[in-house]
Amino acid sequence: MSVAAGIETRSPRHSAGRRAASFAIPLLLVVLLVTAIAALTVGAAGIPLSRLPAALGLAGESTAMTARDQLVLWSIRIPRIAAAAMIGGLLAAAGAIMQGLFRNPLADPALVGVSS
């Protein structure tokens, strides 16, 4: 961005990058949410989408099957999904920090010797 005679101008490349980021981030968050919901239903003890609200405690139904579903969701699947999302975000942040630190968009862990 340059200021000449009090007029601010932006390069077209800079504004296009912002537009792409403002579109990509919400789209990726929606993909993350859909994937997390799908991960809630998949496993050895299958929980169909129709029973998912009751198992999450959003509906008032209470049966033996709902109690089993709640146990599976809250003790196994939700912590696993939360850990996966946090670890993925931390790995992405570590990669971005490494690229910024070395000012190299192709920086990888081998650059500092931690690849294996």
PDB file of N, CA and C in Angstrom:
ATOM      1  N   MET A   1       0.859  -1.163   0.000  1.00  0.00           N
ATOM      2  CA  MET A   1       0.000   0.000   0.000  1.00  0.00           C
ATOM      3  C   MET A   1       0.907   1.229   0.000  1.00  0.00           C
ATOM      4  N   SER A   2       0.643   2.146  -0.872  1.00  0.00           N
ATOM      5  CA  SER A   2       1.446   3.362  -0.914  1.00  0.00           C
ATOM      6  C   SER A   2       0.527   4.565  -0.761  1.00  0.00           C
ATOM      7  N   VAL A   3       1.096   5.615  -0.213  1.00  0.00           N
ATOM      8  CA  VAL A   3       0.339   6.842  -0.024  1.00  0.00           C
ATOM      9  C   VAL A   3       1.016   7.924  -0.856  1.00  0.00           C
ATOM     10  N   ALA A   4       0.319   8.391  -1.862  1.00  0.00           N
ATOM     11  CA  ALA A   4       0.857   9.441  -2.723  1.00  0.00           C
ATOM     12  C   ALA A   4      -0.163  10.570  -2.757  1.00  0.00           C
ATOM     13  N   ALA A   5       0.243  11.716  -2.282  1.00  0.00           N
ATOM     14  CA  ALA A   5      -0.607  12.907  -2.262  1.00  0.00           C
ATOM     15  C   ALA A   5      -1.905  12.652  -1.509  1.00  0.00           C
ATOM     16  N   GLY A   6      -1.816  11.845  -0.421  1.00  0.00           N
ATOM     17  CA  GLY A   6      -2.972  11.609   0.425  1.00  0.00           C
ATOM     18  C   GLY A   6      -3.951  10.575  -0.101  1.00  0.00           C
ATOM     19  N   ILE A   7      -3.614   9.891  -1.200  1.00  0.00           N
ATOM     20  CA  ILE A   7      -4.498   8.882  -1.776  1.00  0.00           C
ATOM     21  C   ILE A   7      -3.867   7.510  -1.548  1.00  0.00           C
ATOM     22  N   GLU A   8      -4.646   6.624  -0.939  1.00  0.00           N
ATOM     23  CA  GLU A   8      -4.143   5.278  -0.701  1.00  0.00           C
ATOM     24  C   GLU A   8      -4.486   4.391  -1.891  1.00  0.00           C
ATOM     25  N   THR A   9      -3.516   3.634  -2.335  1.00  0.00           N
ATOM     26  CA  THR A   9      -3.754   2.683  -3.420  1.00  0.00           C
ATOM     27  C   THR A   9      -3.307   1.309  -2.955  1.00  0.00           C
ATOM     28  N   ARG A  10      -4.010   0.300  -3.417  1.00  0.00           N
ATOM     29  CA  ARG A  10      -3.648  -1.080  -3.110  1.00  0.00           C
ATOM     30  C   ARG A  10      -3.335  -1.805  -4.402  1.00  0.00           C
ATOM     31  N   SER A  11      -2.379  -2.682  -4.306  1.00  0.00           N
ATOM     32  CA  SER A  11      -2.075  -3.466  -5.493  1.00  0.00           C
ATOM     33  C   SER A  11      -3.195  -4.475  -5.712  1.00  0.00           C
ATOM     34  N   PRO A  12      -3.504  -4.793  -6.966  1.00  0.00           N
ATOM     35  CA  PRO A  12      -4.580  -5.751  -7.230  1.00  0.00           C
ATOM     36  C   PRO A  12      -4.282  -7.132  -6.629  1.00  0.00           C
ATOM     37  N   ARG A  13      -3.021  -7.511  -6.564  1.00  0.00           N
ATOM     38  CA  ARG A  13      -2.653  -8.803  -6.012  1.00  0.00           C
ATOM     39  C   ARG A  13      -2.982  -8.875  -4.524  1.00  0.00           C
ATOM     40  N   HIS A  14      -2.757  -7.772  -3.812  1.00  0.00           N
ATOM     41  CA  HIS A  14      -3.020  -7.736  -2.374  1.00  0.00           C
ATOM     42  C   HIS A  14      -4.507  -7.893  -2.089  1.00  0.00           C
ATOM     43  N   SER A  15      -5.355  -7.197  -2.809  1.00  0.00           N
ATOM     44  CA  SER A  15      -6.794  -7.285  -2.553  1.00  0.00           C
ATOM     45  C   SER A  15      -7.353  -8.630  -3.006  1.00  0.00           C
ATOM     46  N   ALA A  16      -6.791  -9.233  -4.051  1.00  0.00           N
ATOM     47  CA  ALA A  16      -7.251 -10.544  -4.492  1.00  0.00           C
ATOM     48  C   ALA A  16      -6.921 -11.603  -3.451  1.00  0.00           C
ATOM     49  N   GLY A  17      -5.779 -11.480  -2.807  1.00  0.00           N
ATOM     50  CA  GLY A  17      -5.408 -12.425  -1.753  1.00  0.00           C
ATOM     51  C   GLY A  17      -6.338 -12.326  -0.563  1.00  0.00           C
ATOM     52  N   ARG A  18      -6.728 -11.106  -0.213  1.00  0.00           N
ATOM     53  CA  ARG A  18      -7.666 -10.930   0.900  1.00  0.00           C
ATOM     54  C   ARG A  18      -9.038 -11.500   0.564  1.00  0.00           C
ATOM     55  N   ARG A  19      -9.457 -11.307  -0.684  1.00  0.00           N
ATOM     56  CA  ARG A  19     -10.745 -11.841  -1.100  1.00  0.00           C
ATOM     57  C   ARG A  19     -10.741 -13.363  -1.046  1.00  0.00           C
ATOM     58  N   ALA A  20      -9.663 -13.959  -1.494  1.00  0.00           N
ATOM     59  CA  ALA A  20      -9.563 -15.419  -1.468  1.00  0.00           C
ATOM     60  C   ALA A  20      -9.556 -15.930  -0.030  1.00  0.00           C
ATOM     61  N   ALA A  21      -8.849 -15.247   0.863  1.00  0.00           N
ATOM     62  CA  ALA A  21      -8.806 -15.670   2.270  1.00  0.00           C
ATOM     63  C   ALA A  21     -10.161 -15.482   2.931  1.00  0.00           C
ATOM     64  N   SER A  22     -10.867 -14.407   2.607  1.00  0.00           N
ATOM     65  CA  SER A  22     -12.173 -14.178   3.225  1.00  0.00           C
ATOM     66  C   SER A  22     -13.205 -15.184   2.734  1.00  0.00           C
ATOM     67  N   PHE A  23     -12.945 -15.826   1.605  1.00  0.00           N
ATOM     68  CA  PHE A  23     -13.836 -16.877   1.109  1.00  0.00           C
ATOM     69  C   PHE A  23     -13.395 -18.252   1.604  1.00  0.00           C
ATOM     70  N   ALA A  24     -12.096 -18.485   1.667  1.00  0.00           N
ATOM     71  CA  ALA A  24     -11.577 -19.815   1.992  1.00  0.00           C
ATOM     72  C   ALA A  24     -11.760 -20.169   3.464  1.00  0.00           C
ATOM     73  N   ILE A  25     -11.541 -19.237   4.358  1.00  0.00           N
ATOM     74  CA  ILE A  25     -11.598 -19.553   5.790  1.00  0.00           C
ATOM     75  C   ILE A  25     -13.002 -19.979   6.221  1.00  0.00           C
ATOM     76  N   PRO A  26     -14.064 -19.245   5.889  1.00  0.00           N
ATOM     77  CA  PRO A  26     -15.402 -19.737   6.265  1.00  0.00           C
ATOM     78  C   PRO A  26     -15.748 -21.071   5.596  1.00  0.00           C
ATOM     79  N   LEU A  27     -15.322 -21.251   4.353  1.00  0.00           N
ATOM     80  CA  LEU A  27     -15.581 -22.506   3.662  1.00  0.00           C
ATOM     81  C   LEU A  27     -14.888 -23.663   4.368  1.00  0.00           C
ATOM     82  N   LEU A  28     -13.641 -23.480   4.780  1.00  0.00           N
ATOM     83  CA  LEU A  28     -12.922 -24.533   5.483  1.00  0.00           C
ATOM     84  C   LEU A  28     -13.508 -24.802   6.861  1.00  0.00           C
ATOM     85  N   LEU A  29     -14.028 -23.784   7.532  1.00  0.00           N
ATOM     86  CA  LEU A  29     -14.687 -23.999   8.816  1.00  0.00           C
ATOM     87  C   LEU A  29     -15.966 -24.822   8.657  1.00  0.00           C
ATOM     88  N   VAL A  30     -16.706 -24.586   7.582  1.00  0.00           N
ATOM     89  CA  VAL A  30     -17.903 -25.377   7.308  1.00  0.00           C
ATOM     90  C   VAL A  30     -17.511 -26.826   7.012  1.00  0.00           C
ATOM     91  N   VAL A  31     -16.443 -27.015   6.234  1.00  0.00           N
ATOM     92  CA  VAL A  31     -15.962 -28.368   5.946  1.00  0.00           C
ATOM     93  C   VAL A  31     -15.544 -29.065   7.240  1.00  0.00           C
ATOM     94  N   LEU A  32     -14.870 -28.348   8.144  1.00  0.00           N
ATOM     95  CA  LEU A  32     -14.483 -28.915   9.432  1.00  0.00           C
ATOM     96  C   LEU A  32     -15.703 -29.334  10.242  1.00  0.00           C
ATOM     97  N   LEU A  33     -16.738 -28.503  10.267  1.00  0.00           N
ATOM     98  CA  LEU A  33     -17.956 -28.813  11.008  1.00  0.00           C
ATOM     99  C   LEU A  33     -18.664 -30.035  10.434  1.00  0.00           C
ATOM    100  N   VAL A  34     -18.783 -30.110   9.114  1.00  0.00           N
ATOM    101  CA  VAL A  34     -19.434 -31.258   8.474  1.00  0.00           C
ATOM    102  C   VAL A  34     -18.636 -32.533   8.742  1.00  0.00           C
ATOM    103  N   THR A  35     -17.322 -32.440   8.668  1.00  0.00           N
ATOM    104  CA  THR A  35     -16.477 -33.598   8.938  1.00  0.00           C
ATOM    105  C   THR A  35     -16.589 -34.038  10.387  1.00  0.00           C
ATOM    106  N   ALA A  36     -16.665 -33.092  11.314  1.00  0.00           N
ATOM    107  CA  ALA A  36     -16.806 -33.433  12.726  1.00  0.00           C
ATOM    108  C   ALA A  36     -18.146 -34.118  12.983  1.00  0.00           C
ATOM    109  N   ILE A  37     -19.210 -33.656  12.362  1.00  0.00           N
ATOM    110  CA  ILE A  37     -20.518 -34.299  12.531  1.00  0.00           C
ATOM    111  C   ILE A  37     -20.492 -35.704  11.948  1.00  0.00           C
ATOM    112  N   ALA A  38     -19.848 -35.860  10.800  1.00  0.00           N
ATOM    113  CA  ALA A  38     -19.732 -37.201  10.219  1.00  0.00           C
ATOM    114  C   ALA A  38     -18.910 -38.109  11.123  1.00  0.00           C
ATOM    115  N   ALA A  39     -17.856 -37.588  11.745  1.00  0.00           N
ATOM    116  CA  ALA A  39     -17.024 -38.390  12.639  1.00  0.00           C
ATOM    117  C   ALA A  39     -17.780 -38.795  13.899  1.00  0.00           C
ATOM    118  N   LEU A  40     -18.773 -38.012  14.299  1.00  0.00           N
ATOM    119  CA  LEU A  40     -19.585 -38.382  15.462  1.00  0.00           C
ATOM    120  C   LEU A  40     -20.419 -39.628  15.195  1.00  0.00           C
ATOM    121  N   THR A  41     -20.765 -39.873  13.957  1.00  0.00           N
ATOM    122  CA  THR A  41     -21.658 -40.978  13.634  1.00  0.00           C
ATOM    123  C   THR A  41     -20.927 -42.243  13.217  1.00  0.00           C
ATOM    124  N   VAL A  42     -19.638 -42.179  12.926  1.00  0.00           N
ATOM    125  CA  VAL A  42     -18.894 -43.316  12.401  1.00  0.00           C
ATOM    126  C   VAL A  42     -18.102 -43.982  13.514  1.00  0.00           C
ATOM    127  N   GLY A  43     -18.155 -45.300  13.560  1.00  0.00           N
ATOM    128  CA  GLY A  43     -17.382 -46.046  14.538  1.00  0.00           C
ATOM    129  C   GLY A  43     -17.954 -47.432  14.743  1.00  0.00           C
ATOM    130  N   ALA A  44     -17.347 -48.179  15.657  1.00  0.00           N
ATOM    131  CA  ALA A  44     -17.805 -49.540  15.929  1.00  0.00           C
ATOM    132  C   ALA A  44     -19.239 -49.541  16.457  1.00  0.00           C
ATOM    133  N   ALA A  45     -19.572 -48.585  17.290  1.00  0.00           N
ATOM    134  CA  ALA A  45     -20.944 -48.419  17.782  1.00  0.00           C
ATOM    135  C   ALA A  45     -21.583 -47.306  16.967  1.00  0.00           C
ATOM    136  N   GLY A  46     -22.143 -47.659  15.825  1.00  0.00           N
ATOM    137  CA  GLY A  46     -22.708 -46.664  14.920  1.00  0.00           C
ATOM    138  C   GLY A  46     -23.853 -45.887  15.548  1.00  0.00           C
ATOM    139  N   ILE A  47     -23.823 -44.585  15.366  1.00  0.00           N
ATOM    140  CA  ILE A  47     -24.898 -43.721  15.867  1.00  0.00           C
ATOM    141  C   ILE A  47     -25.489 -43.009  14.650  1.00  0.00           C
ATOM    142  N   PRO A  48     -26.712 -43.364  14.251  1.00  0.00           N
ATOM    143  CA  PRO A  48     -27.300 -42.696  13.086  1.00  0.00           C
ATOM    144  C   PRO A  48     -27.571 -41.214  13.353  1.00  0.00           C
ATOM    145  N   LEU A  49     -27.641 -40.461  12.292  1.00  0.00           N
ATOM    146  CA  LEU A  49     -27.903 -39.019  12.419  1.00  0.00           C
ATOM    147  C   LEU A  49     -29.222 -38.740  13.135  1.00  0.00           C
ATOM    148  N   SER A  50     -30.193 -39.637  13.012  1.00  0.00           N
ATOM    149  CA  SER A  50     -31.495 -39.418  13.656  1.00  0.00           C
ATOM    150  C   SER A  50     -31.388 -39.483  15.179  1.00  0.00           C
ATOM    151  N   ARG A  51     -30.431 -40.253  15.714  1.00  0.00           N
ATOM    152  CA  ARG A  51     -30.251 -40.348  17.165  1.00  0.00           C
ATOM    153  C   ARG A  51     -29.204 -39.381  17.699  1.00  0.00           C
ATOM    154  N   LEU A  52     -28.513 -38.698  16.834  1.00  0.00           N
ATOM    155  CA  LEU A  52     -27.426 -37.809  17.262  1.00  0.00           C
ATOM    156  C   LEU A  52     -27.896 -36.669  18.167  1.00  0.00           C
ATOM    157  N   PRO A  53     -28.982 -35.958  17.864  1.00  0.00           N
ATOM    158  CA  PRO A  53     -29.419 -34.889  18.782  1.00  0.00           C
ATOM    159  C   PRO A  53     -29.741 -35.395  20.184  1.00  0.00           C
ATOM    160  N   ALA A  54     -30.381 -36.550  20.285  1.00  0.00           N
ATOM    161  CA  ALA A  54     -30.709 -37.107  21.601  1.00  0.00           C
ATOM    162  C   ALA A  54     -29.436 -37.514  22.337  1.00  0.00           C
ATOM    163  N   ALA A  55     -28.472 -38.061  21.605  1.00  0.00           N
ATOM    164  CA  ALA A  55     -27.223 -38.488  22.238  1.00  0.00           C
ATOM    165  C   ALA A  55     -26.397 -37.298  22.706  1.00  0.00           C
ATOM    166  N   LEU A  56     -26.512 -36.181  22.019  1.00  0.00           N
ATOM    167  CA  LEU A  56     -25.790 -34.968  22.431  1.00  0.00           C
ATOM    168  C   LEU A  56     -26.514 -34.231  23.553  1.00  0.00           C
ATOM    169  N   GLY A  57     -27.714 -34.671  23.884  1.00  0.00           N
ATOM    170  CA  GLY A  57     -28.476 -34.024  24.951  1.00  0.00           C
ATOM    171  C   GLY A  57     -29.313 -32.865  24.465  1.00  0.00           C
ATOM    172  N   LEU A  58     -29.520 -32.762  23.168  1.00  0.00           N
ATOM    173  CA  LEU A  58     -30.313 -31.663  22.609  1.00  0.00           C
ATOM    174  C   LEU A  58     -31.794 -31.998  22.546  1.00  0.00           C
ATOM    175  N   ALA A  59     -32.133 -33.284  22.633  1.00  0.00           N
ATOM    176  CA  ALA A  59     -33.537 -33.706  22.609  1.00  0.00           C
ATOM    177  C   ALA A  59     -33.857 -34.382  23.937  1.00  0.00           C
ATOM    178  N   GLY A  60     -35.124 -34.467  24.284  1.00  0.00           N
ATOM    179  CA  GLY A  60     -35.534 -34.972  25.576  1.00  0.00           C
ATOM    180  C   GLY A  60     -35.662 -36.480  25.683  1.00  0.00           C
ATOM    181  N   GLU A  61     -35.378 -37.221  24.628  1.00  0.00           N
ATOM    182  CA  GLU A  61     -35.541 -38.671  24.663  1.00  0.00           C
ATOM    183  C   GLU A  61     -34.522 -39.295  25.609  1.00  0.00           C
ATOM    184  N   SER A  62     -34.951 -40.320  26.342  1.00  0.00           N
ATOM    185  CA  SER A  62     -34.034 -41.015  27.236  1.00  0.00           C
ATOM    186  C   SER A  62     -34.340 -42.506  27.197  1.00  0.00           C
ATOM    187  N   THR A  63     -33.502 -43.245  26.510  1.00  0.00           N
ATOM    188  CA  THR A  63     -33.635 -44.691  26.429  1.00  0.00           C
ATOM    189  C   THR A  63     -32.291 -45.318  26.746  1.00  0.00           C
ATOM    190  N   ALA A  64     -32.260 -46.631  26.821  1.00  0.00           N
ATOM    191  CA  ALA A  64     -30.991 -47.322  27.067  1.00  0.00           C
ATOM    192  C   ALA A  64     -30.027 -47.080  25.906  1.00  0.00           C
ATOM    193  N   MET A  65     -30.572 -47.034  24.702  1.00  0.00           N
ATOM    194  CA  MET A  65     -29.726 -46.788  23.525  1.00  0.00           C
ATOM    195  C   MET A  65     -29.164 -45.375  23.562  1.00  0.00           C
ATOM    196  N   THR A  66     -29.954 -44.417  24.016  1.00  0.00           N
ATOM    197  CA  THR A  66     -29.479 -43.034  24.128  1.00  0.00           C
ATOM    198  C   THR A  66     -28.375 -42.933  25.169  1.00  0.00           C
ATOM    199  N   ALA A  67     -28.520 -43.644  26.264  1.00  0.00           N
ATOM    200  CA  ALA A  67     -27.482 -43.625  27.304  1.00  0.00           C
ATOM    201  C   ALA A  67     -26.172 -44.203  26.778  1.00  0.00           C
ATOM    202  N   ARG A  68     -26.271 -45.269  25.991  1.00  0.00           N
ATOM    203  CA  ARG A  68     -25.068 -45.855  25.390  1.00  0.00           C
ATOM    204  C   ARG A  68     -24.434 -44.878  24.402  1.00  0.00           C
ATOM    205  N   ASP A  69     -25.275 -44.255  23.594  1.00  0.00           N
ATOM    206  CA  ASP A  69     -24.778 -43.281  22.616  1.00  0.00           C
ATOM    207  C   ASP A  69     -24.089 -42.111  23.311  1.00  0.00           C
ATOM    208  N   GLN A  70     -24.680 -41.622  24.404  1.00  0.00           N
ATOM    209  CA  GLN A  70     -24.068 -40.518  25.148  1.00  0.00           C
ATOM    210  C   GLN A  70     -22.717 -40.914  25.715  1.00  0.00           C
ATOM    211  N   LEU A  71     -22.622 -42.122  26.238  1.00  0.00           N
ATOM    212  CA  LEU A  71     -21.351 -42.600  26.776  1.00  0.00           C
ATOM    213  C   LEU A  71     -20.279 -42.663  25.691  1.00  0.00           C
ATOM    214  N   VAL A  72     -20.645 -43.195  24.544  1.00  0.00           N
ATOM    215  CA  VAL A  72     -19.688 -43.302  23.436  1.00  0.00           C
ATOM    216  C   VAL A  72     -19.275 -41.919  22.954  1.00  0.00           C
ATOM    217  N   LEU A  73     -20.242 -41.023  22.786  1.00  0.00           N
ATOM    218  CA  LEU A  73     -19.931 -39.685  22.266  1.00  0.00           C
ATOM    219  C   LEU A  73     -19.061 -38.886  23.227  1.00  0.00           C
ATOM    220  N   TRP A  74     -19.480 -38.783  24.476  1.00  0.00           N
ATOM    221  CA  TRP A  74     -18.805 -37.879  25.408  1.00  0.00           C
ATOM    222  C   TRP A  74     -17.497 -38.435  25.955  1.00  0.00           C
ATOM    223  N   SER A  75     -17.319 -39.751  25.946  1.00  0.00           N
ATOM    224  CA  SER A  75     -16.066 -40.281  26.498  1.00  0.00           C
ATOM    225  C   SER A  75     -15.058 -40.663  25.432  1.00  0.00           C
ATOM    226  N   ILE A  76     -15.495 -40.876  24.191  1.00  0.00           N
ATOM    227  CA  ILE A  76     -14.551 -41.310  23.150  1.00  0.00           C
ATOM    228  C   ILE A  76     -14.512 -40.352  21.962  1.00  0.00           C
ATOM    229  N   ARG A  77     -15.646 -40.156  21.323  1.00  0.00           N
ATOM    230  CA  ARG A  77     -15.629 -39.473  20.025  1.00  0.00           C
ATOM    231  C   ARG A  77     -15.413 -37.969  20.112  1.00  0.00           C
ATOM    232  N   ILE A  78     -16.103 -37.285  21.003  1.00  0.00           N
ATOM    233  CA  ILE A  78     -15.938 -35.825  21.086  1.00  0.00           C
ATOM    234  C   ILE A  78     -14.528 -35.440  21.526  1.00  0.00           C
ATOM    235  N   PRO A  79     -13.935 -36.106  22.542  1.00  0.00           N
ATOM    236  CA  PRO A  79     -12.538 -35.768  22.861  1.00  0.00           C
ATOM    237  C   PRO A  79     -11.574 -36.060  21.710  1.00  0.00           C
ATOM    238  N   ARG A  80     -11.833 -37.144  20.961  1.00  0.00           N
ATOM    239  CA  ARG A  80     -10.967 -37.470  19.824  1.00  0.00           C
ATOM    240  C   ARG A  80     -11.073 -36.401  18.731  1.00  0.00           C
ATOM    241  N   ILE A  81     -12.268 -35.945  18.441  1.00  0.00           N
ATOM    242  CA  ILE A  81     -12.466 -34.921  17.415  1.00  0.00           C
ATOM    243  C   ILE A  81     -11.855 -33.594  17.857  1.00  0.00           C
ATOM    244  N   ALA A  82     -12.050 -33.235  19.127  1.00  0.00           N
ATOM    245  CA  ALA A  82     -11.479 -31.982  19.639  1.00  0.00           C
ATOM    246  C   ALA A  82      -9.953 -32.030  19.606  1.00  0.00           C
ATOM    247  N   ALA A  83      -9.367 -33.152  19.994  1.00  0.00           N
ATOM    248  CA  ALA A  83      -7.907 -33.280  19.970  1.00  0.00           C
ATOM    249  C   ALA A  83      -7.380 -33.206  18.544  1.00  0.00           C
ATOM    250  N   ALA A  84      -8.066 -33.850  17.605  1.00  0.00           N
ATOM    251  CA  ALA A  84      -7.632 -33.813  16.210  1.00  0.00           C
ATOM    252  C   ALA A  84      -7.683 -32.392  15.652  1.00  0.00           C
ATOM    253  N   ALA A  85      -8.738 -31.650  15.967  1.00  0.00           N
ATOM    254  CA  ALA A  85      -8.862 -30.269  15.473  1.00  0.00           C
ATOM    255  C   ALA A  85      -7.779 -29.375  16.082  1.00  0.00           C
ATOM    256  N   MET A  86      -7.524 -29.536  17.380  1.00  0.00           N
ATOM    257  CA  MET A  86      -6.491 -28.713  18.025  1.00  0.00           C
ATOM    258  C   MET A  86      -5.101 -29.049  17.500  1.00  0.00           C
ATOM    259  N   ILE A  87      -4.793 -30.317  17.347  1.00  0.00           N
ATOM    260  CA  ILE A  87      -3.474 -30.712  16.850  1.00  0.00           C
ATOM    261  C   ILE A  87      -3.284 -30.237  15.414  1.00  0.00           C
ATOM    262  N   GLY A  88      -4.316 -30.353  14.586  1.00  0.00           N
ATOM    263  CA  GLY A  88      -4.224 -29.859  13.218  1.00  0.00           C
ATOM    264  C   GLY A  88      -3.980 -28.356  13.164  1.00  0.00           C
ATOM    265  N   GLY A  89      -4.683 -27.614  13.999  1.00  0.00           N
ATOM    266  CA  GLY A  89      -4.481 -26.164  14.045  1.00  0.00           C
ATOM    267  C   GLY A  89      -3.095 -25.796  14.537  1.00  0.00           C
ATOM    268  N   LEU A  90      -2.598 -26.522  15.537  1.00  0.00           N
ATOM    269  CA  LEU A  90      -1.255 -26.239  16.055  1.00  0.00           C
ATOM    270  C   LEU A  90      -0.175 -26.584  15.041  1.00  0.00           C
ATOM    271  N   LEU A  91      -0.350 -27.670  14.291  1.00  0.00           N
ATOM    272  CA  LEU A  91       0.619 -28.001  13.239  1.00  0.00           C
ATOM    273  C   LEU A  91       0.613 -26.946  12.136  1.00  0.00           C
ATOM    274  N   ALA A  92      -0.565 -26.458  11.784  1.00  0.00           N
ATOM    275  CA  ALA A  92      -0.654 -25.400  10.774  1.00  0.00           C
ATOM    276  C   ALA A  92       0.015 -24.125  11.265  1.00  0.00           C
ATOM    277  N   ALA A  93      -0.200 -23.785  12.537  1.00  0.00           N
ATOM    278  CA  ALA A  93       0.430 -22.585  13.102  1.00  0.00           C
ATOM    279  C   ALA A  93       1.943 -22.748  13.152  1.00  0.00           C
ATOM    280  N   ALA A  94       2.420 -23.938  13.510  1.00  0.00           N
ATOM    281  CA  ALA A  94       3.864 -24.174  13.553  1.00  0.00           C
ATOM    282  C   ALA A  94       4.474 -24.026  12.164  1.00  0.00           C
ATOM    283  N   GLY A  95       3.793 -24.520  11.144  1.00  0.00           N
ATOM    284  CA  GLY A  95       4.292 -24.368   9.776  1.00  0.00           C
ATOM    285  C   GLY A  95       4.318 -22.913   9.343  1.00  0.00           C
ATOM    286  N   ALA A  96       3.282 -22.163   9.684  1.00  0.00           N
ATOM    287  CA  ALA A  96       3.241 -20.745   9.324  1.00  0.00           C
ATOM    288  C   ALA A  96       4.326 -19.961  10.059  1.00  0.00           C
ATOM    289  N   ILE A  97       4.552 -20.309  11.326  1.00  0.00           N
ATOM    290  CA  ILE A  97       5.610 -19.633  12.089  1.00  0.00           C
ATOM    291  C   ILE A  97       6.970 -19.937  11.479  1.00  0.00           C
ATOM    292  N   MET A  98       7.191 -21.185  11.098  1.00  0.00           N
ATOM    293  CA  MET A  98       8.479 -21.544  10.498  1.00  0.00           C
ATOM    294  C   MET A  98       8.686 -20.816   9.173  1.00  0.00           C
ATOM    295  N   GLN A  99       7.645 -20.721   8.355  1.00  0.00           N
ATOM    296  CA  GLN A  99       7.765 -20.003   7.089  1.00  0.00           C
ATOM    297  C   GLN A  99       8.031 -18.524   7.323  1.00  0.00           C
ATOM    298  N   GLY A 100       7.393 -17.934   8.312  1.00  0.00           N
ATOM    299  CA  GLY A 100       7.634 -16.522   8.614  1.00  0.00           C
ATOM    300  C   GLY A 100       9.004 -16.284   9.216  1.00  0.00           C
ATOM    301  N   LEU A 101       9.443 -17.185  10.077  1.00  0.00           N
ATOM    302  CA  LEU A 101      10.732 -17.032  10.734  1.00  0.00           C
ATOM    303  C   LEU A 101      11.888 -17.093   9.740  1.00  0.00           C
ATOM    304  N   PHE A 102      11.825 -18.037   8.818  1.00  0.00           N
ATOM    305  CA  PHE A 102      12.907 -18.189   7.842  1.00  0.00           C
ATOM    306  C   PHE A 102      12.654 -17.409   6.565  1.00  0.00           C
ATOM    307  N   ARG A 103      11.512 -16.721   6.487  1.00  0.00           N
ATOM    308  CA  ARG A 103      11.135 -15.940   5.298  1.00  0.00           C
ATOM    309  C   ARG A 103      11.257 -16.780   4.035  1.00  0.00           C
ATOM    310  N   ASN A 104      10.743 -18.000   4.129  1.00  0.00           N
ATOM    311  CA  ASN A 104      10.826 -18.947   3.034  1.00  0.00           C
ATOM    312  C   ASN A 104       9.480 -19.663   2.935  1.00  0.00           C
ATOM    313  N   PRO A 105       8.707 -19.424   1.868  1.00  0.00           N
ATOM    314  CA  PRO A 105       7.397 -20.076   1.756  1.00  0.00           C
ATOM    315  C   PRO A 105       7.495 -21.590   1.560  1.00  0.00           C
ATOM    316  N   LEU A 106       8.694 -22.092   1.263  1.00  0.00           N
ATOM    317  CA  LEU A 106       8.865 -23.531   1.086  1.00  0.00           C
ATOM    318  C   LEU A 106       9.533 -24.180   2.296  1.00  0.00           C
ATOM    319  N   ALA A 107       9.560 -23.490   3.443  1.00  0.00           N
ATOM    320  CA  ALA A 107      10.220 -24.014   4.641  1.00  0.00           C
ATOM    321  C   ALA A 107       9.519 -25.291   5.087  1.00  0.00           C
ATOM    322  N   ASP A 108      10.317 -26.268   5.493  1.00  0.00           N
ATOM    323  CA  ASP A 108       9.778 -27.522   6.004  1.00  0.00           C
ATOM    324  C   ASP A 108      10.591 -27.942   7.221  1.00  0.00           C
ATOM    325  N   PRO A 109      10.163 -28.944   7.975  1.00  0.00           N
ATOM    326  CA  PRO A 109      10.891 -29.349   9.176  1.00  0.00           C
ATOM    327  C   PRO A 109      12.337 -29.764   8.910  1.00  0.00           C
ATOM    328  N   ALA A 110      12.661 -30.238   7.722  1.00  0.00           N
ATOM    329  CA  ALA A 110      14.036 -30.647   7.423  1.00  0.00           C
ATOM    330  C   ALA A 110      14.986 -29.456   7.456  1.00  0.00           C
ATOM    331  N   LEU A 111      14.458 -28.257   7.321  1.00  0.00           N
ATOM    332  CA  LEU A 111      15.282 -27.049   7.344  1.00  0.00           C
ATOM    333  C   LEU A 111      16.005 -26.886   8.671  1.00  0.00           C
ATOM    334  N   VAL A 112      15.359 -27.291   9.751  1.00  0.00           N
ATOM    335  CA  VAL A 112      15.984 -27.189  11.067  1.00  0.00           C
ATOM    336  C   VAL A 112      16.376 -28.550  11.633  1.00  0.00           C
ATOM    337  N   GLY A 113      16.229 -29.611  10.838  1.00  0.00           N
ATOM    338  CA  GLY A 113      16.683 -30.925  11.247  1.00  0.00           C
ATOM    339  C   GLY A 113      15.740 -31.712  12.115  1.00  0.00           C
ATOM    340  N   VAL A 114      14.443 -31.492  12.028  1.00  0.00           N
ATOM    341  CA  VAL A 114      13.497 -32.241  12.840  1.00  0.00           C
ATOM    342  C   VAL A 114      12.550 -33.081  11.962  1.00  0.00           C
ATOM    343  N   SER A 115      12.992 -33.471  10.778  1.00  0.00           N
ATOM    344  CA  SER A 115      12.114 -34.199   9.875  1.00  0.00           C
ATOM    345  C   SER A 115      11.895 -35.642  10.295  1.00  0.00           C
ATOM    346  N   SER A 116      12.890 -36.261  10.886  1.00  0.00           N
ATOM    347  CA  SER A 116      12.689 -37.656  11.288  1.00  0.00           C
ATOM    348  C   SER A 116      13.145 -37.823  12.709  1.00  0.00           C
TER     349      SER A 116
END
